[in-house]
């Protein structure tokens, strides 16, 4: 599901950028969160969407 982060939450395991309050995120069923539609200095990041183009499991829980 898509949501807006209510507080800083560490690092996105896909792009390694910080997950910051106000970022748009995707929350997976395992409760892991990743950027969804963020803009950084290096460009537009749809981390979880791009990940799912090549892999259909959570980056941190591949066996789930």
PDB file of N, CA and C in Angstrom:
ATOM      1  N   UNK A   1       0.837  -1.191   0.000  1.00  0.00           N
ATOM      2  CA  UNK A   1       0.000   0.000   0.000  1.00  0.00           C
ATOM      3  C   UNK A   1       0.873   1.242   0.000  1.00  0.00           C
ATOM      4  N   UNK A   2       0.349   2.337  -0.521  1.00  0.00           N
ATOM      5  CA  UNK A   2       1.090   3.600  -0.594  1.00  0.00           C
ATOM      6  C   UNK A   2       0.709   4.470   0.590  1.00  0.00           C
ATOM      7  N   UNK A   3       1.700   5.168   1.144  1.00  0.00           N
ATOM      8  CA  UNK A   3       1.480   5.957   2.348  1.00  0.00           C
ATOM      9  C   UNK A   3       2.505   7.082   2.376  1.00  0.00           C
ATOM     10  N   UNK A   4       2.338   8.013   3.324  1.00  0.00           N
ATOM     11  CA  UNK A   4       3.318   9.066   3.567  1.00  0.00           C
ATOM     12  C   UNK A   4       3.948   8.792   4.931  1.00  0.00           C
ATOM     13  N   UNK A   5       5.254   8.805   4.971  1.00  0.00           N
ATOM     14  CA  UNK A   5       5.988   8.473   6.191  1.00  0.00           C
ATOM     15  C   UNK A   5       5.790   9.548   7.249  1.00  0.00           C
ATOM     16  N   UNK A   6       5.406   9.139   8.449  1.00  0.00           N
ATOM     17  CA  UNK A   6       5.122  10.093   9.521  1.00  0.00           C
ATOM     18  C   UNK A   6       6.359  10.456  10.347  1.00  0.00           C
ATOM     19  N   UNK A   7       7.435   9.666  10.228  1.00  0.00           N
ATOM     20  CA  UNK A   7       8.689   9.992  10.919  1.00  0.00           C
ATOM     21  C   UNK A   7       9.838   9.336  10.178  1.00  0.00           C
ATOM     22  N   UNK A   8      11.057   9.828  10.381  1.00  0.00           N
ATOM     23  CA  UNK A   8      12.235   9.248   9.751  1.00  0.00           C
ATOM     24  C   UNK A   8      12.315   7.760  10.102  1.00  0.00           C
ATOM     25  N   UNK A   9      12.765   6.949   9.132  1.00  0.00           N
ATOM     26  CA  UNK A   9      12.740   5.500   9.347  1.00  0.00           C
ATOM     27  C   UNK A   9      13.987   4.798   8.837  1.00  0.00           C
ATOM     28  N   UNK A  10      15.136   5.443   8.906  1.00  0.00           N
ATOM     29  CA  UNK A  10      16.373   4.781   8.499  1.00  0.00           C
ATOM     30  C   UNK A  10      16.597   4.860   7.005  1.00  0.00           C
ATOM     31  N   UNK A  11      17.084   3.762   6.441  1.00  0.00           N
ATOM     32  CA  UNK A  11      17.557   3.754   5.070  1.00  0.00           C
ATOM     33  C   UNK A  11      16.723   2.822   4.195  1.00  0.00           C
ATOM     34  N   UNK A  12      16.440   3.239   2.980  1.00  0.00           N
ATOM     35  CA  UNK A  12      15.772   2.385   1.997  1.00  0.00           C
ATOM     36  C   UNK A  12      16.790   1.332   1.549  1.00  0.00           C
ATOM     37  N   UNK A  13      16.448   0.065   1.677  1.00  0.00           N
ATOM     38  CA  UNK A  13      17.372  -1.023   1.342  1.00  0.00           C
ATOM     39  C   UNK A  13      17.627  -1.141  -0.157  1.00  0.00           C
ATOM     40  N   UNK A  14      16.842  -0.445  -0.965  1.00  0.00           N
ATOM     41  CA  UNK A  14      17.033  -0.520  -2.415  1.00  0.00           C
ATOM     42  C   UNK A  14      17.978   0.577  -2.902  1.00  0.00           C
ATOM     43  N   UNK A  15      17.680   1.849  -2.582  1.00  0.00           N
ATOM     44  CA  UNK A  15      18.502   2.958  -3.095  1.00  0.00           C
ATOM     45  C   UNK A  15      19.534   3.453  -2.083  1.00  0.00           C
ATOM     46  N   UNK A  16      19.398   3.043  -0.829  1.00  0.00           N
ATOM     47  CA  UNK A  16      20.287   3.423   0.270  1.00  0.00           C
ATOM     48  C   UNK A  16      20.171   4.890   0.672  1.00  0.00           C
ATOM     49  N   UNK A  17      19.132   5.581   0.190  1.00  0.00           N
ATOM     50  CA  UNK A  17      18.839   6.948   0.636  1.00  0.00           C
ATOM     51  C   UNK A  17      18.010   6.859   1.923  1.00  0.00           C
ATOM     52  N   UNK A  18      18.053   7.905   2.727  1.00  0.00           N
ATOM     53  CA  UNK A  18      17.297   7.923   3.968  1.00  0.00           C
ATOM     54  C   UNK A  18      15.789   7.998   3.697  1.00  0.00           C
ATOM     55  N   UNK A  19      15.027   7.272   4.489  1.00  0.00           N
ATOM     56  CA  UNK A  19      13.567   7.367   4.488  1.00  0.00           C
ATOM     57  C   UNK A  19      13.215   8.474   5.480  1.00  0.00           C
ATOM     58  N   UNK A  20      12.712   9.592   4.970  1.00  0.00           N
ATOM     59  CA  UNK A  20      12.486  10.758   5.804  1.00  0.00           C
ATOM     60  C   UNK A  20      11.011  11.095   5.915  1.00  0.00           C
ATOM     61  N   UNK A  21      10.673  11.731   7.039  1.00  0.00           N
ATOM     62  CA  UNK A  21       9.294  12.164   7.265  1.00  0.00           C
ATOM     63  C   UNK A  21       8.786  12.917   6.046  1.00  0.00           C
ATOM     64  N   UNK A  22       7.576  12.569   5.610  1.00  0.00           N
ATOM     65  CA  UNK A  22       6.966  13.214   4.456  1.00  0.00           C
ATOM     66  C   UNK A  22       7.210  12.492   3.145  1.00  0.00           C
ATOM     67  N   UNK A  23       8.152  11.535   3.111  1.00  0.00           N
ATOM     68  CA  UNK A  23       8.402  10.763   1.892  1.00  0.00           C
ATOM     69  C   UNK A  23       7.198   9.889   1.574  1.00  0.00           C
ATOM     70  N   UNK A  24       6.926   9.719   0.282  1.00  0.00           N
ATOM     71  CA  UNK A  24       5.910   8.763  -0.146  1.00  0.00           C
ATOM     72  C   UNK A  24       6.561   7.396  -0.152  1.00  0.00           C
ATOM     73  N   UNK A  25       5.906   6.441   0.492  1.00  0.00           N
ATOM     74  CA  UNK A  25       6.470   5.102   0.626  1.00  0.00           C
ATOM     75  C   UNK A  25       5.461   4.043   0.193  1.00  0.00           C
ATOM     76  N   UNK A  26       5.976   2.868  -0.063  1.00  0.00           N
ATOM     77  CA  UNK A  26       5.147   1.687  -0.257  1.00  0.00           C
ATOM     78  C   UNK A  26       5.437   0.760   0.915  1.00  0.00           C
ATOM     79  N   UNK A  27       4.377   0.269   1.537  1.00  0.00           N
ATOM     80  CA  UNK A  27       4.526  -0.654   2.671  1.00  0.00           C
ATOM     81  C   UNK A  27       4.074  -2.035   2.189  1.00  0.00           C
ATOM     82  N   UNK A  28       4.979  -2.998   2.254  1.00  0.00           N
ATOM     83  CA  UNK A  28       4.681  -4.355   1.810  1.00  0.00           C
ATOM     84  C   UNK A  28       3.950  -5.134   2.908  1.00  0.00           C
ATOM     85  N   UNK A  29       3.350  -6.276   2.582  1.00  0.00           N
ATOM     86  CA  UNK A  29       2.657  -7.081   3.591  1.00  0.00           C
ATOM     87  C   UNK A  29       3.555  -7.487   4.771  1.00  0.00           C
ATOM     88  N   UNK A  30       4.864  -7.623   4.527  1.00  0.00           N
ATOM     89  CA  UNK A  30       5.805  -7.968   5.604  1.00  0.00           C
ATOM     90  C   UNK A  30       6.131  -6.752   6.478  1.00  0.00           C
ATOM     91  N   UNK A  31       5.565  -5.577   6.142  1.00  0.00           N
ATOM     92  CA  UNK A  31       5.709  -4.296   6.835  1.00  0.00           C
ATOM     93  C   UNK A  31       7.002  -3.557   6.505  1.00  0.00           C
ATOM     94  N   UNK A  32       7.826  -4.089   5.591  1.00  0.00           N
ATOM     95  CA  UNK A  32       9.000  -3.346   5.129  1.00  0.00           C
ATOM     96  C   UNK A  32       8.518  -2.153   4.304  1.00  0.00           C
ATOM     97  N   UNK A  33       9.297  -1.061   4.333  1.00  0.00           N
ATOM     98  CA  UNK A  33       8.907   0.132   3.592  1.00  0.00           C
ATOM     99  C   UNK A  33      10.031   0.561   2.653  1.00  0.00           C
ATOM    100  N   UNK A  34       9.625   1.119   1.501  1.00  0.00           N
ATOM    101  CA  UNK A  34      10.555   1.555   0.465  1.00  0.00           C
ATOM    102  C   UNK A  34      10.009   2.820  -0.178  1.00  0.00           C
ATOM    103  N   UNK A  35      10.906   3.603  -0.788  1.00  0.00           N
ATOM    104  CA  UNK A  35      10.475   4.808  -1.498  1.00  0.00           C
ATOM    105  C   UNK A  35       9.534   4.465  -2.650  1.00  0.00           C
ATOM    106  N   UNK A  36       8.605   5.354  -2.877  1.00  0.00           N
ATOM    107  CA  UNK A  36       7.707   5.245  -4.030  1.00  0.00           C
ATOM    108  C   UNK A  36       7.495   6.651  -4.565  1.00  0.00           C
ATOM    109  N   UNK A  37       8.099   6.963  -5.701  1.00  0.00           N
ATOM    110  CA  UNK A  37       7.904   8.267  -6.330  1.00  0.00           C
ATOM    111  C   UNK A  37       8.679   9.404  -5.697  1.00  0.00           C
ATOM    112  N   UNK A  38       9.871   9.155  -5.183  1.00  0.00           N
ATOM    113  CA  UNK A  38      10.685  10.202  -4.570  1.00  0.00           C
ATOM    114  C   UNK A  38      11.592  10.860  -5.600  1.00  0.00           C
ATOM    115  N   UNK A  39      11.969  12.116  -5.376  1.00  0.00           N
ATOM    116  CA  UNK A  39      12.906  12.825  -6.234  1.00  0.00           C
ATOM    117  C   UNK A  39      14.140  13.165  -5.406  1.00  0.00           C
ATOM    118  N   UNK A  40      15.307  12.694  -5.856  1.00  0.00           N
ATOM    119  CA  UNK A  40      16.575  12.973  -5.190  1.00  0.00           C
ATOM    120  C   UNK A  40      17.499  13.681  -6.165  1.00  0.00           C
ATOM    121  N   UNK A  41      18.650  14.091  -5.692  1.00  0.00           N
ATOM    122  CA  UNK A  41      19.629  14.743  -6.562  1.00  0.00           C
ATOM    123  C   UNK A  41      19.980  13.861  -7.757  1.00  0.00           C
ATOM    124  N   UNK A  42      20.007  12.548  -7.548  1.00  0.00           N
ATOM    125  CA  UNK A  42      20.379  11.657  -8.650  1.00  0.00           C
ATOM    126  C   UNK A  42      19.187  11.267  -9.515  1.00  0.00           C
ATOM    127  N   UNK A  43      18.020  11.815  -9.252  1.00  0.00           N
ATOM    128  CA  UNK A  43      16.882  11.550 -10.121  1.00  0.00           C
ATOM    129  C   UNK A  43      15.655  11.051  -9.392  1.00  0.00           C
ATOM    130  N   UNK A  44      14.663  10.707 -10.181  1.00  0.00           N
ATOM    131  CA  UNK A  44      13.374  10.238  -9.659  1.00  0.00           C
ATOM    132  C   UNK A  44      13.497   8.781  -9.227  1.00  0.00           C
ATOM    133  N   UNK A  45      13.034   8.447  -8.037  1.00  0.00           N
ATOM    134  CA  UNK A  45      13.176   7.095  -7.506  1.00  0.00           C
ATOM    135  C   UNK A  45      11.819   6.472  -7.230  1.00  0.00           C
ATOM    136  N   UNK A  46      11.524   5.397  -7.892  1.00  0.00           N
ATOM    137  CA  UNK A  46      10.381   4.551  -7.587  1.00  0.00           C
ATOM    138  C   UNK A  46      10.964   3.213  -7.170  1.00  0.00           C
ATOM    139  N   UNK A  47      11.665   3.212  -6.067  1.00  0.00           N
ATOM    140  CA  UNK A  47      12.471   2.061  -5.665  1.00  0.00           C
ATOM    141  C   UNK A  47      11.725   0.734  -5.756  1.00  0.00           C
ATOM    142  N   UNK A  48      10.591   0.639  -5.090  1.00  0.00           N
ATOM    143  CA  UNK A  48       9.914  -0.649  -5.026  1.00  0.00           C
ATOM    144  C   UNK A  48       9.310  -1.022  -6.380  1.00  0.00           C
ATOM    145  N   UNK A  49       8.823  -0.046  -7.141  1.00  0.00           N
ATOM    146  CA  UNK A  49       8.279  -0.349  -8.467  1.00  0.00           C
ATOM    147  C   UNK A  49       9.364  -0.894  -9.383  1.00  0.00           C
ATOM    148  N   UNK A  50      10.548  -0.255  -9.354  1.00  0.00           N
ATOM    149  CA  UNK A  50      11.664  -0.717 -10.175  1.00  0.00           C
ATOM    150  C   UNK A  50      12.144  -2.098  -9.714  1.00  0.00           C
ATOM    151  N   UNK A  51      12.169  -2.331  -8.413  1.00  0.00           N
ATOM    152  CA  UNK A  51      12.560  -3.630  -7.877  1.00  0.00           C
ATOM    153  C   UNK A  51      11.610  -4.723  -8.377  1.00  0.00           C
ATOM    154  N   UNK A  52      10.317  -4.443  -8.306  1.00  0.00           N
ATOM    155  CA  UNK A  52       9.322  -5.444  -8.708  1.00  0.00           C
ATOM    156  C   UNK A  52       9.331  -5.730 -10.213  1.00  0.00           C
ATOM    157  N   UNK A  53       9.969  -4.874 -11.012  1.00  0.00           N
ATOM    158  CA  UNK A  53      10.099  -5.169 -12.438  1.00  0.00           C
ATOM    159  C   UNK A  53      10.986  -6.386 -12.673  1.00  0.00           C
ATOM    160  N   UNK A  54      11.917  -6.664 -11.748  1.00  0.00           N
ATOM    161  CA  UNK A  54      12.847  -7.793 -11.918  1.00  0.00           C
ATOM    162  C   UNK A  54      12.705  -8.860 -10.839  1.00  0.00           C
ATOM    163  N   UNK A  55      12.007  -8.567  -9.747  1.00  0.00           N
ATOM    164  CA  UNK A  55      11.898  -9.504  -8.642  1.00  0.00           C
ATOM    165  C   UNK A  55      10.563  -9.272  -7.929  1.00  0.00           C
ATOM    166  N   UNK A  56       9.812 -10.311  -7.671  1.00  0.00           N
ATOM    167  CA  UNK A  56       8.483 -10.155  -7.074  1.00  0.00           C
ATOM    168  C   UNK A  56       8.448 -10.368  -5.556  1.00  0.00           C
ATOM    169  N   UNK A  57       9.602 -10.420  -4.898  1.00  0.00           N
ATOM    170  CA  UNK A  57       9.613 -10.613  -3.446  1.00  0.00           C
ATOM    171  C   UNK A  57      10.247  -9.404  -2.758  1.00  0.00           C
ATOM    172  N   UNK A  58      10.022  -9.307  -1.460  1.00  0.00           N
ATOM    173  CA  UNK A  58      10.621  -8.232  -0.663  1.00  0.00           C
ATOM    174  C   UNK A  58      12.146  -8.336  -0.714  1.00  0.00           C
ATOM    175  N   UNK A  59      12.843  -7.228  -0.915  1.00  0.00           N
ATOM    176  CA  UNK A  59      14.310  -7.258  -0.940  1.00  0.00           C
ATOM    177  C   UNK A  59      14.937  -7.770   0.360  1.00  0.00           C
ATOM    178  N   UNK A  60      14.247  -7.560   1.469  1.00  0.00           N
ATOM    179  CA  UNK A  60      14.780  -7.972   2.773  1.00  0.00           C
ATOM    180  C   UNK A  60      14.257  -9.323   3.236  1.00  0.00           C
ATOM    181  N   UNK A  61      13.191  -9.815   2.598  1.00  0.00           N
ATOM    182  CA  UNK A  61      12.582 -11.096   2.969  1.00  0.00           C
ATOM    183  C   UNK A  61      12.273 -11.905   1.704  1.00  0.00           C
ATOM    184  N   UNK A  62      13.282 -12.306   0.949  1.00  0.00           N
ATOM    185  CA  UNK A  62      13.048 -12.946  -0.344  1.00  0.00           C
ATOM    186  C   UNK A  62      12.290 -14.261  -0.272  1.00  0.00           C
ATOM    187  N   UNK A  63      12.274 -14.918   0.858  1.00  0.00           N
ATOM    188  CA  UNK A  63      11.585 -16.202   0.964  1.00  0.00           C
ATOM    189  C   UNK A  63      10.109 -16.063   1.307  1.00  0.00           C
ATOM    190  N   UNK A  64       9.675 -14.828   1.657  1.00  0.00           N
ATOM    191  CA  UNK A  64       8.255 -14.613   2.022  1.00  0.00           C
ATOM    192  C   UNK A  64       7.361 -14.609   0.804  1.00  0.00           C
TER     193      UNK A  64
END
